[in-house]
């Protein structure tokens, strides 16, 4: 059951909001390259717009972490919901590259498989206030799982433009309808947030600098940034573009693939704590990541679509097991007083690193090097895994 009776009404609203956003993110990541190509843009333009979305989200997350405590969290959430509405409606109504690039940078569009929008830190802060101890851990695990599961279901909505096209609507208009739905979802989320209690401004100052764990956190942030940069070479928008360019996969088939990939990813995140309990956090992060990267590189050279999809699905079943274990490891190797600062310091560099690489991936596609982003992503991730294991395997006992 996705929304058990035990959660508070406020937490339930936040989980419903996460589900709605994930449903729209699930199809937007796939439709975005199709829409941009239909508007007459090239693969490099797709990469640049993907980079703009990630870079804008990273800077917004940084701004929320630095100055968000000065404002009521509910008001920030309401503003984010209106921004989501404007993003969808403007993308549906604009045709020129530079306005679209600006909307991508300022808006809430998410081209990746995870939640990288400004909603994430705001909803996390609200969730943290609704429960304590193990109940809080349960809520965050459910929040992550719901996001992954609903994103998988949302990917099936990529079939809707095909249905509208067969019904007589122009293809470009059918695609615009989906972005309008994205915007209307933002309006619906706005009314959900309005039900939340109006909190008082947080009088606490921003988190102070790191103390005893500074060296560990800086090293982790640097390694996580390598992983994020590698992942940015093949965000879902670019992976969909690769499938379209390499195998001429239909939009419906792509939606089905991302549905199953999302289900496997969601299941793996539920399995990650069980695996970590037996082999440790670092070993779970590393020894599930390396096989997933190998599958990705093999998929780059597979000569048939069924084999390629099988390898990519195997990758999805393993590649996200490091998400919950990574967060748990960071919280375990720093002192309690440093946890807030450590979370911010390891998250923002990841977001910035991930924002740089989609434009590079799009450029490689535009140059005709279709395998290059997949191979580069796999090699960089394996290098990250080996460096992480070598640097932090001695911390495993401390993190258990």
Protein backbone atom coordinates (compact mmCIF):
# COMPACT_ATOMS: atom_id res chain seq x y z
CA UNK A 1 0.00 0.00 0.00
CA UNK A 2 1.63 3.26 -1.09
CA UNK A 3 0.02 5.55 1.47
CA UNK A 4 -0.48 3.61 4.73
CA UNK A 5 -2.88 4.83 7.39
CA UNK A 6 -0.03 5.42 9.85
CA UNK A 7 1.34 8.56 8.23
CA UNK A 8 0.19 11.99 9.34
CA UNK A 9 -2.15 14.04 7.11
CA UNK A 10 0.67 16.48 6.29
CA UNK A 11 3.01 13.66 5.30
CA UNK A 12 0.26 12.10 3.20
CA UNK A 13 -0.16 15.35 1.25
CA UNK A 14 3.58 15.48 0.59
CA UNK A 15 3.63 11.87 -0.59
CA UNK A 16 0.70 12.54 -2.93
CA UNK A 17 2.51 15.60 -4.26
CA UNK A 18 5.63 13.51 -4.86
CA UNK A 19 3.55 10.92 -6.70
CA UNK A 20 1.94 13.53 -8.99
CA UNK A 21 5.27 15.17 -9.81
CA UNK A 22 6.86 11.79 -10.53
CA UNK A 23 4.03 10.82 -12.87
CA UNK A 24 4.64 13.90 -15.00
CA UNK A 25 8.44 13.66 -14.75
CA UNK A 26 8.19 10.08 -15.99
CA UNK A 27 6.83 11.07 -19.38
CA UNK A 28 8.45 14.52 -19.69
CA UNK A 29 11.98 13.07 -19.69
CA UNK A 30 11.08 10.91 -22.69
CA UNK A 31 8.91 13.40 -24.57
CA UNK A 32 11.29 16.34 -24.21
CA UNK A 33 13.75 15.22 -26.95
CA UNK A 34 10.86 14.21 -29.21
CA UNK A 35 9.23 17.59 -28.73
CA UNK A 36 12.44 19.53 -29.34
CA UNK A 37 13.25 17.52 -32.47
CA UNK A 38 9.69 18.10 -33.71
CA UNK A 39 10.26 21.85 -33.25
CA UNK A 40 13.27 21.57 -35.55
CA UNK A 41 16.13 21.55 -33.03
CA UNK A 42 19.15 19.25 -33.22
CA UNK A 43 20.62 16.74 -30.78
CA UNK A 44 23.10 19.33 -29.49
CA UNK A 45 20.20 21.63 -28.63
CA UNK A 46 18.56 18.79 -26.70
CA UNK A 47 21.75 18.38 -24.67
CA UNK A 48 22.02 22.11 -23.98
CA UNK A 49 18.43 22.36 -22.79
CA UNK A 50 18.92 19.29 -20.57
CA UNK A 51 22.00 20.93 -19.09
CA UNK A 52 20.03 24.14 -18.47
CA UNK A 53 17.35 22.25 -16.53
CA UNK A 54 19.89 20.54 -14.29
CA UNK A 55 22.01 23.65 -13.78
CA UNK A 56 18.99 25.75 -12.89
CA UNK A 57 17.75 23.11 -10.44
CA UNK A 58 21.20 22.89 -8.82
CA UNK A 59 21.39 26.65 -8.30
CA UNK A 60 17.82 26.76 -6.98
CA UNK A 61 18.65 23.97 -4.52
CA UNK A 62 21.74 25.88 -3.42
CA UNK A 63 19.67 29.04 -2.94
CA UNK A 64 17.08 27.19 -0.85
CA UNK A 65 19.81 25.70 1.32
CA UNK A 66 21.52 29.05 1.84
CA UNK A 67 18.58 31.46 2.19
CA UNK A 68 15.45 29.33 2.42
CA UNK A 69 15.39 29.44 6.23
CA UNK A 70 14.40 33.12 5.98
CA UNK A 71 11.03 32.24 4.44
CA UNK A 72 8.09 30.11 5.41
CA UNK A 73 8.52 26.65 3.89
CA UNK A 74 4.87 26.48 2.86
CA UNK A 75 5.23 29.71 0.87
CA UNK A 76 8.31 28.35 -0.87
CA UNK A 77 6.42 25.19 -1.79
CA UNK A 78 3.51 27.23 -3.14
CA UNK A 79 5.94 29.30 -5.23
CA UNK A 80 7.57 26.13 -6.56
CA UNK A 81 4.15 24.77 -7.57
CA UNK A 82 3.37 27.96 -9.52
CA UNK A 83 6.80 27.71 -11.14
CA UNK A 84 5.98 24.17 -12.24
CA UNK A 85 2.70 25.38 -13.75
CA UNK A 86 4.45 28.20 -15.62
CA UNK A 87 7.17 25.82 -16.85
CA UNK A 88 4.72 23.45 -18.49
CA UNK A 89 2.53 26.13 -20.04
CA UNK A 90 5.47 28.14 -21.39
CA UNK A 91 7.15 25.08 -22.88
CA UNK A 92 3.89 24.24 -24.61
CA UNK A 93 3.58 27.74 -26.04
CA UNK A 94 7.14 28.63 -27.10
CA UNK A 95 8.93 27.68 -30.32
CA UNK A 96 12.27 29.52 -30.26
CA UNK A 97 15.45 28.08 -28.76
CA UNK A 98 16.54 30.89 -26.44
CA UNK A 99 13.18 31.36 -24.69
CA UNK A 100 12.95 27.58 -24.26
CA UNK A 101 16.47 27.50 -22.85
CA UNK A 102 15.56 30.24 -20.37
CA UNK A 103 12.41 28.40 -19.26
CA UNK A 104 14.42 25.20 -18.88
CA UNK A 105 16.94 27.01 -16.68
CA UNK A 106 14.45 28.82 -14.47
CA UNK A 107 11.72 26.17 -14.42
CA UNK A 108 11.19 22.79 -12.79
CA UNK A 109 11.60 20.45 -15.77
CA UNK A 110 13.38 17.21 -14.84
CA UNK A 111 15.22 15.32 -17.62
CA UNK A 112 16.75 12.68 -15.34
CA UNK A 113 15.58 9.50 -13.65
CA UNK A 114 15.65 11.02 -10.15
CA UNK A 115 14.18 14.10 -8.53
CA UNK A 116 16.57 17.00 -9.08
CA UNK A 117 14.10 19.86 -8.76
CA UNK A 118 13.79 22.57 -6.13
CA UNK A 119 10.84 20.62 -4.67
CA UNK A 120 13.18 17.99 -3.19
CA UNK A 121 14.84 19.97 -0.35
CA UNK A 122 11.59 21.75 0.46
CA UNK A 123 9.56 18.55 0.73
CA UNK A 124 12.36 16.84 2.66
CA UNK A 125 12.35 19.65 5.19
CA UNK A 126 8.58 19.34 5.60
CA UNK A 127 8.71 15.54 5.89
CA UNK A 128 11.40 15.73 8.56
CA UNK A 129 8.98 17.68 10.76
CA UNK A 130 6.22 15.06 10.55
CA UNK A 131 7.99 12.11 12.19
CA UNK A 132 10.89 11.13 14.42
CA UNK A 133 13.37 8.25 14.60
CA UNK A 134 12.47 5.09 12.71
CA UNK A 135 9.19 6.60 11.55
CA UNK A 136 11.13 9.36 9.79
CA UNK A 137 13.37 6.78 8.09
CA UNK A 138 10.27 4.92 6.95
CA UNK A 139 8.77 8.10 5.51
CA UNK A 140 11.86 8.97 3.52
CA UNK A 141 12.13 5.42 2.19
CA UNK A 142 8.46 5.52 1.16
CA UNK A 143 8.95 8.96 -0.41
CA UNK A 144 11.82 7.66 -2.57
CA UNK A 145 9.99 4.49 -3.53
CA UNK A 146 6.79 6.33 -4.50
CA UNK A 147 8.81 8.68 -6.68
CA UNK A 148 10.53 5.86 -8.55
CA UNK A 149 7.36 3.81 -8.94
CA UNK A 150 5.18 6.68 -10.16
CA UNK A 151 7.88 7.85 -12.57
CA UNK A 152 7.81 4.35 -14.07
CA UNK A 153 4.04 4.48 -14.43
CA UNK A 154 4.22 7.99 -15.85
CA UNK A 155 6.50 6.82 -18.64
CA UNK A 156 3.56 4.87 -20.07
CA UNK A 157 1.84 8.20 -20.74
CA UNK A 158 4.20 8.64 -23.69
CA UNK A 159 1.61 6.64 -25.65
CA UNK A 160 -0.96 9.43 -25.29
CA UNK A 161 0.48 11.66 -28.08
CA UNK A 162 0.33 8.69 -30.44
CA UNK A 163 -3.32 8.13 -29.55
CA UNK A 164 -4.09 11.83 -30.10
CA UNK A 165 -2.23 11.79 -33.41
CA UNK A 166 -4.22 8.79 -34.64
CA UNK A 167 -7.33 10.69 -33.61
CA UNK A 168 -6.48 13.48 -36.07
CA UNK A 169 -4.49 15.93 -33.96
CA UNK A 170 -1.22 17.26 -35.36
CA UNK A 171 1.80 15.56 -33.78
CA UNK A 172 3.31 18.77 -32.45
CA UNK A 173 -0.01 19.75 -30.87
CA UNK A 174 -0.33 16.31 -29.27
CA UNK A 175 3.08 16.80 -27.70
CA UNK A 176 2.15 20.28 -26.50
CA UNK A 177 -0.89 18.82 -24.73
CA UNK A 178 1.42 16.75 -22.53
CA UNK A 179 3.33 19.83 -21.39
CA UNK A 180 0.04 21.58 -20.67
CA UNK A 181 -0.89 18.62 -18.46
CA UNK A 182 2.45 19.05 -16.70
CA UNK A 183 1.57 22.67 -16.01
CA UNK A 184 -1.94 21.84 -14.82
CA UNK A 185 -0.43 19.25 -12.45
CA UNK A 186 1.59 22.08 -10.92
CA UNK A 187 -1.65 23.95 -10.26
CA UNK A 188 -3.13 20.85 -8.63
CA UNK A 189 -0.06 20.51 -6.41
CA UNK A 190 -0.42 24.17 -5.45
CA UNK A 191 -3.85 23.45 -3.99
CA UNK A 192 -2.47 20.42 -2.14
CA UNK A 193 0.23 22.57 -0.56
CA UNK A 194 -2.37 25.14 0.48
CA UNK A 195 -3.80 22.54 2.87
CA UNK A 196 -0.48 22.31 4.72
CA UNK A 197 -0.29 24.34 7.94
CA UNK A 198 1.38 27.74 7.61
CA UNK A 199 4.63 27.28 9.51
CA UNK A 200 6.47 30.04 11.27
CA UNK A 201 9.73 31.32 9.76
CA UNK A 202 12.71 29.29 10.87
CA UNK A 203 14.73 31.52 13.15
CA UNK A 204 17.77 29.27 13.06
CA UNK A 205 20.77 30.44 11.12
CA UNK A 206 22.14 28.56 8.15
CA UNK A 207 24.24 25.50 9.01
CA UNK A 208 27.74 26.31 10.14
CA UNK A 209 30.95 25.09 8.55
CA UNK A 210 32.08 21.50 8.75
CA UNK A 211 34.28 20.53 11.66
CA UNK A 212 36.09 17.25 12.34
CA UNK A 213 34.62 15.53 9.28
CA UNK A 214 35.58 18.23 6.79
CA UNK A 215 38.22 16.10 5.05
CA UNK A 216 35.92 13.09 4.70
CA UNK A 217 33.04 15.18 3.37
CA UNK A 218 35.20 17.04 0.85
CA UNK A 219 36.57 13.75 -0.47
CA UNK A 220 33.07 12.26 -0.70
CA UNK A 221 31.73 15.37 -2.45
CA UNK A 222 34.52 15.18 -5.03
CA UNK A 223 33.89 11.49 -5.71
CA UNK A 224 30.12 11.93 -5.83
CA UNK A 225 30.60 14.73 -8.35
CA UNK A 226 32.48 12.35 -10.67
CA UNK A 227 29.59 9.90 -10.42
CA UNK A 228 27.06 12.65 -11.08
CA UNK A 229 29.01 14.02 -14.06
CA UNK A 230 29.09 10.52 -15.54
CA UNK A 231 25.36 10.05 -14.99
CA UNK A 232 24.65 13.39 -16.64
CA UNK A 233 26.14 12.10 -19.88
CA UNK A 234 23.11 9.83 -20.17
CA UNK A 235 20.13 11.30 -18.35
CA UNK A 236 16.82 9.76 -19.34
CA UNK A 237 16.20 12.44 -21.96
CA UNK A 238 19.48 11.57 -23.70
CA UNK A 239 18.98 7.82 -23.26
CA UNK A 240 15.61 8.17 -24.97
CA UNK A 241 17.25 10.19 -27.71
CA UNK A 242 19.89 7.46 -28.13
CA UNK A 243 17.21 4.79 -28.52
CA UNK A 244 15.41 6.93 -31.09
CA UNK A 245 18.60 7.59 -33.06
CA UNK A 246 20.20 4.14 -32.81
CA UNK A 247 17.24 1.79 -33.25
CA UNK A 248 14.42 4.14 -34.36
CA UNK A 249 12.41 3.00 -31.35
CA UNK A 250 8.82 4.21 -31.35
CA UNK A 251 7.60 6.56 -28.66
CA UNK A 252 5.26 3.89 -27.27
CA UNK A 253 8.05 1.30 -27.11
CA UNK A 254 10.32 3.78 -25.36
CA UNK A 255 7.61 4.45 -22.81
CA UNK A 256 7.26 0.73 -22.11
CA UNK A 257 11.02 0.39 -21.67
CA UNK A 258 11.25 3.26 -19.19
CA UNK A 259 8.27 1.84 -17.31
CA UNK A 260 10.01 -1.47 -16.69
CA UNK A 261 13.33 0.24 -16.04
CA UNK A 262 11.65 2.44 -13.43
CA UNK A 263 10.00 -0.54 -11.74
CA UNK A 264 13.34 -2.32 -11.49
CA UNK A 265 14.96 0.82 -10.12
CA UNK A 266 12.22 1.23 -7.51
CA UNK A 267 12.53 -2.39 -6.45
CA UNK A 268 16.30 -2.15 -6.15
CA UNK A 269 16.02 0.81 -3.78
CA UNK A 270 13.78 -1.25 -1.53
CA UNK A 271 16.30 -4.11 -1.65
CA UNK A 272 19.33 -1.93 -0.96
CA UNK A 273 18.98 -1.82 2.86
CA UNK A 274 18.64 -5.61 2.96
CA UNK A 275 21.81 -6.04 0.89
CA UNK A 276 23.71 -3.42 2.90
CA UNK A 277 22.82 -5.18 6.14
CA UNK A 278 24.70 -8.23 4.86
CA UNK A 279 27.68 -6.84 2.95
CA UNK A 280 27.96 -3.25 4.18
CA UNK A 281 27.12 0.16 2.75
CA UNK A 282 30.30 0.71 0.74
CA UNK A 283 30.26 -2.79 -0.73
CA UNK A 284 26.62 -2.35 -1.73
CA UNK A 285 27.40 0.97 -3.41
CA UNK A 286 30.42 -0.35 -5.30
CA UNK A 287 29.66 -3.96 -6.15
CA UNK A 288 26.20 -3.24 -7.53
CA UNK A 289 27.36 -0.17 -9.44
CA UNK A 290 30.23 -1.82 -11.34
CA UNK A 291 28.08 -4.55 -12.98
CA UNK A 292 25.50 -1.93 -13.95
CA UNK A 293 28.21 0.15 -15.67
CA UNK A 294 29.48 -2.91 -17.52
CA UNK A 295 25.93 -3.60 -18.77
CA UNK A 296 25.71 -0.01 -20.01
CA UNK A 297 28.94 -0.24 -21.98
CA UNK A 298 27.93 -3.58 -23.49
CA UNK A 299 24.61 -2.03 -24.53
CA UNK A 300 26.53 0.64 -26.46
CA UNK A 301 27.82 -2.03 -28.85
CA UNK A 302 24.94 -4.51 -28.88
CA UNK A 303 23.73 -5.07 -32.43
CA UNK A 304 20.11 -5.93 -31.69
CA UNK A 305 17.38 -4.04 -29.90
CA UNK A 306 16.26 -6.94 -27.64
CA UNK A 307 19.82 -7.48 -26.37
CA UNK A 308 20.30 -3.76 -25.86
CA UNK A 309 17.09 -3.42 -23.87
CA UNK A 310 17.94 -6.48 -21.78
CA UNK A 311 21.32 -5.01 -20.86
CA UNK A 312 19.78 -1.63 -20.05
CA UNK A 313 17.15 -3.28 -17.84
CA UNK A 314 19.88 -5.21 -16.00
CA UNK A 315 21.60 -1.88 -15.47
CA UNK A 316 18.39 -0.37 -14.06
CA UNK A 317 18.05 -3.25 -11.60
CA UNK A 318 21.46 -2.41 -10.09
CA UNK A 319 22.34 1.22 -10.77
CA UNK A 320 20.15 2.87 -8.11
CA UNK A 321 20.97 0.66 -5.14
CA UNK A 322 23.59 3.20 -4.13
CA UNK A 323 21.03 6.00 -3.66
CA UNK A 324 19.75 5.13 -0.16
CA UNK A 325 23.08 3.59 0.91
CA UNK A 326 25.00 6.70 -0.16
CA UNK A 327 22.85 8.94 2.02
CA UNK A 328 23.10 6.53 4.93
CA UNK A 329 26.88 6.33 4.62
CA UNK A 330 27.31 10.11 4.61
CA UNK A 331 25.17 10.43 7.74
CA UNK A 332 27.13 7.63 9.45
CA UNK A 333 30.68 8.90 8.89
CA UNK A 334 30.14 12.47 10.14
CA UNK A 335 29.32 13.67 13.61
CA UNK A 336 25.63 14.36 14.37
CA UNK A 337 26.26 18.10 14.58
CA UNK A 338 27.68 18.09 11.02
CA UNK A 339 24.96 16.08 9.30
CA UNK A 340 23.00 19.02 7.88
CA UNK A 341 26.14 20.67 6.51
CA UNK A 342 27.40 17.33 5.13
CA UNK A 343 24.11 16.69 3.33
CA UNK A 344 24.22 20.11 1.67
CA UNK A 345 27.92 19.91 0.81
CA UNK A 346 27.61 16.52 -0.86
CA UNK A 347 24.34 17.26 -2.71
CA UNK A 348 24.99 20.62 -4.39
CA UNK A 349 28.33 19.66 -6.05
CA UNK A 350 26.62 16.53 -7.41
CA UNK A 351 23.87 18.64 -8.93
CA UNK A 352 26.32 21.09 -10.47
CA UNK A 353 28.47 18.29 -11.90
CA UNK A 354 25.42 16.56 -13.37
CA UNK A 355 24.33 19.83 -14.97
CA UNK A 356 27.49 20.15 -17.06
CA UNK A 357 27.56 16.83 -18.86
CA UNK A 358 24.23 16.54 -20.77
CA UNK A 359 25.39 19.18 -23.26
CA UNK A 360 28.55 17.13 -23.81
CA UNK A 361 26.48 14.00 -24.34
CA UNK A 362 24.28 15.85 -26.82
CA UNK A 363 27.37 17.12 -28.66
CA UNK A 364 28.74 13.57 -28.96
CA UNK A 365 25.41 12.41 -30.38
CA UNK A 366 25.40 15.33 -32.81
CA UNK A 367 28.90 14.36 -33.98
CA UNK A 368 27.66 10.84 -34.76
CA UNK A 369 29.49 9.16 -31.86
CA UNK A 370 26.44 7.39 -30.52
CA UNK A 371 28.34 4.91 -28.36
CA UNK A 372 30.66 7.47 -26.78
CA UNK A 373 28.35 8.83 -24.02
CA UNK A 374 27.45 5.31 -22.87
CA UNK A 375 31.07 4.16 -22.78
CA UNK A 376 32.30 7.34 -21.10
CA UNK A 377 29.51 7.11 -18.52
CA UNK A 378 30.37 3.49 -17.73
CA UNK A 379 34.12 4.03 -17.48
CA UNK A 380 33.81 7.11 -15.29
CA UNK A 381 31.39 5.35 -12.95
CA UNK A 382 33.67 2.34 -12.61
CA UNK A 383 36.61 4.65 -11.84
CA UNK A 384 34.44 6.38 -9.22
CA UNK A 385 33.42 3.06 -7.65
CA UNK A 386 37.01 1.81 -7.38
CA UNK A 387 38.22 5.12 -5.93
CA UNK A 388 35.35 5.17 -3.43
CA UNK A 389 36.05 1.60 -2.31
CA UNK A 390 39.77 2.24 -1.95
CA UNK A 391 39.30 5.48 -0.01
CA UNK A 392 36.46 4.47 2.32
CA UNK A 393 36.41 0.72 2.80
CA UNK A 394 38.16 1.25 6.17
CA UNK A 395 35.17 3.34 7.30
CA UNK A 396 32.73 0.45 6.86
CA UNK A 397 32.74 -0.54 10.52
CA UNK A 398 32.03 3.05 11.54
CA UNK A 399 29.07 3.23 9.18
CA UNK A 400 27.45 0.00 10.33
